[in-house]
Amino acid sequence: MLNSLDQVKSWSALAAARGVVLEAALQVDTGMARLGLSFAELQALAAAPAPLQGIKLTLVMSHLACADAPGHEANPAQLDVMRAASALFPDVPVSFANSGGVFLGPDYRGDLARPGIALYGAAPTTGVANPMRPVVRLDIRVIQTRTVPAGTAVGYGGTHVTTRETRIATLAAGYADGLPRSLGNRGAAWLGGVRLPILGRVSMDSLMVDVTALPAEALAPGALVELIGPHQSLEAIAADAGTISYEILTGLGQRYHRHYAFPASRASGQGHS
């Protein structure tokens, strides 16, 4: 992926040194100011293509900044620049759409789409129903339960104090496993249709939830409760944490036991602590 004229020249020099033709994609900045040649630089390169000697272009690509917001004015503005950029290299395939871009319509899809978050069944567009079927589930094991009286401080800093006799379950995951500390006193786990609020701060390797609403026999050490699944979407836990679903997914650590299920098995994939 070539993102600047200097990179183009370096890649061409390497091709010459090796006596071969090297493939590359060329990225143009259509309005995100992150990576890629400016449109003016792309025009200059198309007009005087000597720096591309020894390079076989396989793609002209760019990235949408606001694809998750279909009505955002940046989308058609970037599309206009992308069309002009691709016209400079008419025989080279175009890659433009990320997950949200795919749902903006065929004008945005080009020859090669690059779906990311949609592959996990997460919502690619904000403010509308998720068209994807969720495929990620996260269940966490209970490692201890206890009953405490009213007035008991829970967790680091005692940021939650019980107002009644409360049954607490300690779960074997924390911020070292990618569960944001900001979920403390805001987020929840679920068992069946029962919400189990997180009490106090999320610790490094554990967190506590209120299980008073469950029958006493419903949970025992080793039982699993849901953090992401049919009762709590990825988007919901991200909202409780004050972040986005991308950050939740990329933060999930390596200590989870992972199950991968293929569609033919008709089983849901699970990540267990």
Protein backbone atom coordinates (compact mmCIF):
# COMPACT_ATOMS: atom_id res chain seq x y z
CA MET A 1 0.00 0.00 0.00
CA LEU A 2 1.65 3.19 -1.20
CA ASN A 3 0.56 6.29 0.71
CA SER A 4 2.95 8.99 -0.48
CA LEU A 5 5.09 9.97 -3.44
CA ASP A 6 8.19 9.05 -1.43
CA GLN A 7 6.80 5.54 -0.95
CA VAL A 8 6.05 5.29 -4.66
CA LYS A 9 9.63 6.27 -5.51
CA SER A 10 11.08 3.85 -2.94
CA TRP A 11 8.96 0.98 -4.26
CA SER A 12 9.97 1.77 -7.84
CA ALA A 13 13.64 1.86 -6.82
CA LEU A 14 13.29 -1.55 -5.14
CA ALA A 15 11.70 -2.97 -8.29
CA ALA A 16 14.60 -1.65 -10.35
CA ALA A 17 17.18 -3.01 -7.90
CA ARG A 18 15.61 -6.45 -8.05
CA GLY A 19 14.95 -6.33 -11.76
CA VAL A 20 11.29 -7.24 -11.28
CA VAL A 21 7.84 -5.68 -11.43
CA LEU A 22 6.32 -5.22 -7.98
CA GLU A 23 2.58 -5.03 -7.31
CA ALA A 24 1.13 -2.29 -5.15
CA ALA A 25 -2.08 -0.52 -4.25
CA LEU A 26 -2.20 3.26 -4.36
CA GLN A 27 -4.11 5.09 -1.66
CA VAL A 28 -5.58 8.53 -2.20
CA ASP A 29 -6.76 10.81 0.58
CA THR A 30 -10.31 11.69 -0.40
CA GLY A 31 -11.09 13.64 2.75
CA MET A 32 -9.90 11.95 5.93
CA ALA A 33 -6.42 13.49 6.29
CA ARG A 34 -5.02 10.23 7.62
CA LEU A 35 -3.15 8.36 4.87
CA GLY A 36 -2.76 8.59 1.12
CA LEU A 37 -1.65 10.89 -1.67
CA SER A 38 -3.52 14.15 -2.07
CA PHE A 39 -5.64 14.41 -5.19
CA ALA A 40 -3.19 16.98 -6.56
CA GLU A 41 -0.32 14.54 -6.06
CA LEU A 42 -2.33 11.82 -7.76
CA GLN A 43 -3.01 14.10 -10.73
CA ALA A 44 0.69 14.87 -11.04
CA LEU A 45 1.54 11.18 -10.88
CA ALA A 46 -0.99 10.32 -13.58
CA ALA A 47 0.32 13.11 -15.81
CA ALA A 48 3.97 12.12 -15.31
CA PRO A 49 3.98 8.41 -14.38
CA ALA A 50 7.73 7.86 -14.46
CA PRO A 51 7.84 7.27 -10.65
CA LEU A 52 5.54 4.26 -11.23
CA GLN A 53 8.11 2.48 -13.39
CA GLY A 54 8.44 -1.13 -12.27
CA ILE A 55 5.15 -0.97 -10.33
CA LYS A 56 1.97 -2.79 -11.30
CA LEU A 57 -0.98 -1.05 -9.70
CA THR A 58 -3.54 -3.55 -8.43
CA LEU A 59 -5.88 -1.09 -6.70
CA VAL A 60 -6.64 2.57 -6.28
CA MET A 61 -8.25 2.87 -2.87
CA SER A 62 -9.40 5.29 -0.22
CA HIS A 63 -11.25 5.16 3.09
CA LEU A 64 -14.55 6.70 4.14
CA ALA A 65 -14.51 8.85 7.26
CA CYS A 66 -18.27 8.94 7.96
CA ALA A 67 -19.67 5.80 6.35
CA ASP A 68 -21.56 4.89 9.54
CA ALA A 69 -23.62 8.09 9.12
CA PRO A 70 -25.48 7.70 5.79
CA GLY A 71 -26.69 11.28 5.66
CA HIS A 72 -23.31 12.87 6.34
CA GLU A 73 -22.23 15.35 3.69
CA ALA A 74 -18.68 13.96 3.74
CA ASN A 75 -19.80 10.75 2.03
CA PRO A 76 -20.83 12.17 -1.36
CA ALA A 77 -17.94 14.63 -1.19
CA GLN A 78 -15.46 11.78 -0.79
CA LEU A 79 -17.24 9.82 -3.51
CA ASP A 80 -16.75 12.68 -5.95
CA VAL A 81 -13.02 12.76 -5.23
CA MET A 82 -12.80 8.96 -5.47
CA ARG A 83 -14.50 8.99 -8.88
CA ALA A 84 -12.09 11.64 -10.12
CA ALA A 85 -9.14 9.68 -8.71
CA SER A 86 -10.20 6.41 -10.32
CA ALA A 87 -10.70 8.18 -13.65
CA LEU A 88 -6.98 9.01 -13.63
CA PHE A 89 -6.21 5.27 -13.61
CA PRO A 90 -9.19 3.83 -15.54
CA ASP A 91 -7.82 0.31 -15.87
CA VAL A 92 -7.05 -0.16 -12.18
CA PRO A 93 -9.70 -1.69 -9.87
CA VAL A 94 -11.18 0.55 -7.18
CA SER A 95 -11.57 -0.20 -3.46
CA PHE A 96 -13.56 2.32 -1.45
CA ALA A 97 -16.22 0.86 0.83
CA ASN A 98 -15.68 -0.29 4.39
CA SER A 99 -18.53 -2.00 6.28
CA GLY A 100 -20.63 1.14 6.46
CA GLY A 101 -19.75 2.05 2.89
CA VAL A 102 -21.18 -1.21 1.59
CA PHE A 103 -24.59 -0.12 2.89
CA LEU A 104 -24.35 3.34 1.34
CA GLY A 105 -25.21 1.77 -2.00
CA PRO A 106 -23.57 0.45 -5.16
CA ASP A 107 -21.89 3.75 -6.03
CA TYR A 108 -19.60 3.30 -3.03
CA ARG A 109 -18.69 -0.37 -3.41
CA GLY A 110 -16.18 -0.23 -6.25
CA ASP A 111 -14.51 -3.48 -7.31
CA LEU A 112 -13.35 -4.62 -3.88
CA ALA A 113 -15.09 -3.86 -0.58
CA ARG A 114 -13.24 -4.09 2.72
CA PRO A 115 -15.81 -5.12 5.35
CA GLY A 116 -14.49 -5.06 8.89
CA ILE A 117 -16.90 -4.71 11.80
CA ALA A 118 -19.74 -6.26 9.74
CA LEU A 119 -17.84 -9.56 9.65
CA TYR A 120 -18.54 -9.83 13.38
CA GLY A 121 -22.22 -9.10 12.95
CA ALA A 122 -21.88 -5.67 14.52
CA ALA A 123 -23.91 -2.71 13.34
CA PRO A 124 -22.12 -0.96 10.46
CA THR A 125 -24.45 2.05 10.54
CA THR A 126 -25.55 4.14 13.50
CA GLY A 127 -29.15 5.05 14.19
CA VAL A 128 -30.76 2.21 12.21
CA ALA A 129 -31.55 -1.44 12.86
CA ASN A 130 -28.54 -3.71 12.51
CA PRO A 131 -28.89 -5.61 9.21
CA MET A 132 -26.25 -8.14 10.27
CA ARG A 133 -26.73 -11.29 12.33
CA PRO A 134 -24.47 -11.07 15.41
CA VAL A 135 -21.83 -13.79 15.43
CA VAL A 136 -19.80 -12.94 18.53
CA ARG A 137 -20.73 -14.06 22.02
CA LEU A 138 -18.83 -13.57 25.26
CA ASP A 139 -19.67 -15.53 28.41
CA ILE A 140 -17.77 -15.17 31.69
CA ARG A 141 -17.44 -17.69 34.50
CA VAL A 142 -18.59 -17.10 38.05
CA ILE A 143 -15.75 -17.83 40.49
CA GLN A 144 -17.48 -16.98 43.78
CA THR A 145 -20.82 -15.89 45.20
CA ARG A 146 -21.52 -14.23 48.53
CA THR A 147 -24.30 -12.46 50.43
CA VAL A 148 -23.49 -9.15 52.09
CA PRO A 149 -25.58 -6.88 54.31
CA ALA A 150 -26.76 -3.36 53.54
CA GLY A 151 -23.99 -0.80 53.89
CA THR A 152 -21.27 -2.99 52.36
CA ALA A 153 -18.69 -1.25 50.15
CA VAL A 154 -17.96 -3.18 46.96
CA GLY A 155 -14.70 -3.15 45.02
CA TYR A 156 -11.79 -0.75 44.82
CA GLY A 157 -12.52 2.65 46.29
CA GLY A 158 -15.89 1.50 47.64
CA THR A 159 -17.66 3.29 44.80
CA HIS A 160 -20.77 1.17 45.33
CA VAL A 161 -22.35 0.68 48.75
CA THR A 162 -25.22 -1.78 49.05
CA THR A 163 -28.55 -0.40 50.18
CA ARG A 164 -30.00 -3.82 51.08
CA GLU A 165 -28.87 -7.36 51.65
CA THR A 166 -27.25 -8.25 48.33
CA ARG A 167 -26.01 -11.40 46.69
CA ILE A 168 -22.87 -10.77 44.70
CA ALA A 169 -21.19 -12.95 42.07
CA THR A 170 -17.55 -12.36 41.22
CA LEU A 171 -16.73 -12.97 37.54
CA ALA A 172 -13.36 -14.06 36.18
CA ALA A 173 -12.62 -11.19 33.78
CA GLY A 174 -11.65 -7.56 34.06
CA TYR A 175 -9.94 -4.73 32.29
CA ALA A 176 -6.90 -6.93 31.58
CA ASP A 177 -9.30 -8.94 29.43
CA GLY A 178 -10.60 -5.92 27.56
CA LEU A 179 -13.66 -5.13 29.68
CA PRO A 180 -13.38 -1.35 30.13
CA ARG A 181 -13.04 0.02 33.63
CA SER A 182 -15.76 2.50 32.68
CA LEU A 183 -18.32 -0.33 32.89
CA GLY A 184 -18.11 -0.07 36.68
CA ASN A 185 -21.48 0.86 38.21
CA ARG A 186 -22.90 1.24 34.67
CA GLY A 187 -22.71 -2.01 32.73
CA ALA A 188 -24.20 -5.42 33.39
CA ALA A 189 -24.02 -9.12 32.75
CA TRP A 190 -27.08 -11.22 31.94
CA LEU A 191 -28.41 -14.64 32.82
CA GLY A 192 -31.39 -15.57 30.71
CA GLY A 193 -33.59 -12.51 30.71
CA VAL A 194 -32.30 -11.13 34.02
CA ARG A 195 -29.96 -8.13 34.03
CA LEU A 196 -27.15 -8.39 36.59
CA PRO A 197 -25.75 -4.88 37.25
CA ILE A 198 -22.01 -4.47 37.69
CA LEU A 199 -21.28 -3.28 41.22
CA GLY A 200 -18.28 -1.08 41.91
CA ARG A 201 -15.21 -0.74 39.77
CA VAL A 202 -14.07 -3.30 37.23
CA SER A 203 -10.85 -4.82 38.56
CA MET A 204 -7.89 -6.03 36.52
CA ASP A 205 -8.94 -9.68 36.55
CA SER A 206 -12.46 -9.67 37.96
CA LEU A 207 -15.69 -7.79 38.37
CA MET A 208 -18.72 -8.12 40.62
CA VAL A 209 -22.37 -8.27 39.66
CA ASP A 210 -25.59 -8.13 41.65
CA VAL A 211 -27.36 -11.51 41.40
CA THR A 212 -29.99 -10.87 44.06
CA ALA A 213 -32.76 -11.10 41.44
CA LEU A 214 -31.83 -14.70 40.63
CA PRO A 215 -32.95 -17.78 42.56
CA ALA A 216 -30.28 -18.85 45.02
CA GLU A 217 -29.63 -22.06 43.09
CA ALA A 218 -29.27 -20.32 39.70
CA LEU A 219 -25.55 -19.64 39.99
CA ALA A 220 -22.63 -21.60 41.34
CA PRO A 221 -18.88 -21.34 40.81
CA GLY A 222 -18.16 -22.32 37.21
CA ALA A 223 -21.48 -21.10 35.84
CA LEU A 224 -21.43 -18.77 32.85
CA VAL A 225 -23.11 -15.39 32.53
CA GLU A 226 -23.48 -13.39 29.33
CA LEU A 227 -21.53 -10.22 28.60
CA ILE A 228 -22.20 -10.18 24.84
CA GLY A 229 -24.98 -12.26 23.36
CA PRO A 230 -28.71 -12.44 22.73
CA HIS A 231 -29.60 -10.24 25.71
CA GLN A 232 -26.82 -7.68 25.40
CA SER A 233 -25.49 -6.64 22.02
CA LEU A 234 -21.97 -5.55 21.32
CA GLU A 235 -23.34 -2.06 20.73
CA ALA A 236 -25.12 -2.07 24.11
CA ILE A 237 -22.03 -2.96 26.13
CA ALA A 238 -20.03 -0.38 24.18
CA ALA A 239 -22.64 2.27 24.99
CA ASP A 240 -22.51 1.38 28.69
CA ALA A 241 -18.72 1.74 28.56
CA GLY A 242 -18.93 5.08 26.76
CA THR A 243 -17.04 3.77 23.74
CA ILE A 244 -17.65 2.09 20.37
CA SER A 245 -18.06 -1.55 19.43
CA TYR A 246 -14.72 -1.54 17.56
CA GLU A 247 -12.84 -0.80 20.78
CA ILE A 248 -14.66 -3.56 22.66
CA LEU A 249 -13.85 -6.15 19.98
CA THR A 250 -10.22 -5.19 19.52
CA GLY A 251 -9.68 -5.05 23.28
CA LEU A 252 -10.82 -8.59 24.04
CA GLY A 253 -7.73 -10.29 25.39
CA GLN A 254 -6.00 -13.60 24.79
CA ARG A 255 -7.05 -15.23 28.07
CA TYR A 256 -10.51 -16.11 26.80
CA HIS A 257 -11.13 -19.66 25.67
CA ARG A 258 -12.39 -19.32 22.12
CA HIS A 259 -14.85 -21.50 20.23
CA TYR A 260 -15.21 -21.08 16.46
CA ALA A 261 -18.39 -22.32 14.83
CA PHE A 262 -19.08 -22.50 11.10
CA PRO A 263 -22.54 -21.82 9.65
CA ALA A 264 -23.06 -25.46 8.67
CA SER A 265 -22.81 -26.46 12.32
CA ARG A 266 -25.74 -24.14 13.23
CA ALA A 267 -23.91 -23.44 16.49
CA SER A 268 -23.01 -20.05 17.90
CA GLY A 269 -19.38 -19.16 18.53
CA GLN A 270 -18.56 -18.41 22.14
CA GLY A 271 -15.66 -16.90 24.00
CA HIS A 272 -15.39 -18.20 27.54
CA SER A 273 -13.24 -16.94 30.36
